[in-house]
Amino acid sequence: MPASGKPATPSATPTSAAVRTASPLSLAVLGLGVFLLVLAPLLAWYVEPRAKVTPIDIDATTVFTGTGSYFDTAALRTRNQQKITITRHVLGDVAASERSGRAVWDVSTTVDTPRTLPLKDPRKAFQWTTERWVTDRHSNAPVHCCAEAPTRFDGDAYLKFPFDVQKKSYRWWDNTLGAAVPLRYAGTRHVQGHEGYRFTGTVPPTRTGSRQVPGRLVGRGGQGQIQAEEWYANSGIELVVEQRTGRIMHAAISPLKTLRAPGSRRDAVTLLRGRQLQFTPATQRAQVRLAKADSDRLALVGRTLPVGAAVAGGVLAAAGAGWVARGRRSGPGAK
């Protein structure tokens, strides 16, 4: 006992607990892993749906060719076994699209015979029509605005189908008929090496309007000018569609336009008959190239990147968490 009479206080021995700390690198790895895990579902559920929008800056031309018949107005007779060419040019109205938030497309379609094709002037074509199509950029549904023409524009498939095409029937707009035609899913078909969904349909003979012609042209020789009935049918519509994007990679049609005497049930004049008019090989290649490029971009955003981000995020998060848990020992007792 010390001279003071107070008990001595034992000297304190360092017994402080070791402190665990995490290195900045381990925290960075953990943070990156968590970020990638959060990013993966965002890419799949948020970014990809917003990437599925109909383009507005489109400038594309598709060409159908085949053999058929047409009415020569100069000779007043039908010419058979002739080359028929249908050219459709689609130009997006970017300004109107940006103002409205819709896809606004101006569509010009010419039907040419061997005589009119070299003229390269739609005003001198055998037949020329212009339309203005307006659709919702996400659903592909028609939108009635922006000076659309015709105003009865309808259906859910036009120059393209909706994104993520299903194995079901769709209503395809037929501009000659002026109405939507039901197309049924008919399996798959490869176009230029790329697989697509095949849809088929027909149009039964349907009256589409009238035209003033000499009565003798439709078997009414005793009459002067009469209003003959215009009829239209299509015995074979076939469209092959890229599944993810809805782009039409191949198309074939067999239109028949005729004249009938008023009230008659028989065709008197064949104005135009096309037998399996279909996309030219050049048009097929161009459509497949566009479809594949768009499909690859959507697959990258909707599948490749989310899966890659999820896998990488899981690995990094696990490694970072383990690294942080182990940490580095520091403190008086650390070695």
Foldseek 3Di string as FASTA:
>chain_A
DDPVPDDDDDDDDDDDDWDFFFDPVLVVLQVLLVVLQVVLVCLAPPVLLVLQFADQADWDKFKWKFFAWAQDPVVRAIDGGWIKMKMKTKGGPVVLCVVVVWRKIKIKIAIATPVQVVVPDRVSGLDIDIWIFIAHGQQQFGDQDDPGPPNLDGWQAEQFHHFQDDQAWTFYDDVVQRGTWIWHFDAWDDFPNRIFTKTKGWFPKDWRAWDWDQCVQAPRPVGGTDTWTKIKIKGMWMFTAHRGNRHTLKIWIWMWIFTHHVPDPDGRGTRITGDGTMTDSVSNVVSVVVSVVSVVVSCVSNPVSSVVSNVSSVVSSVSSVVSSVVGAIDDPPHD
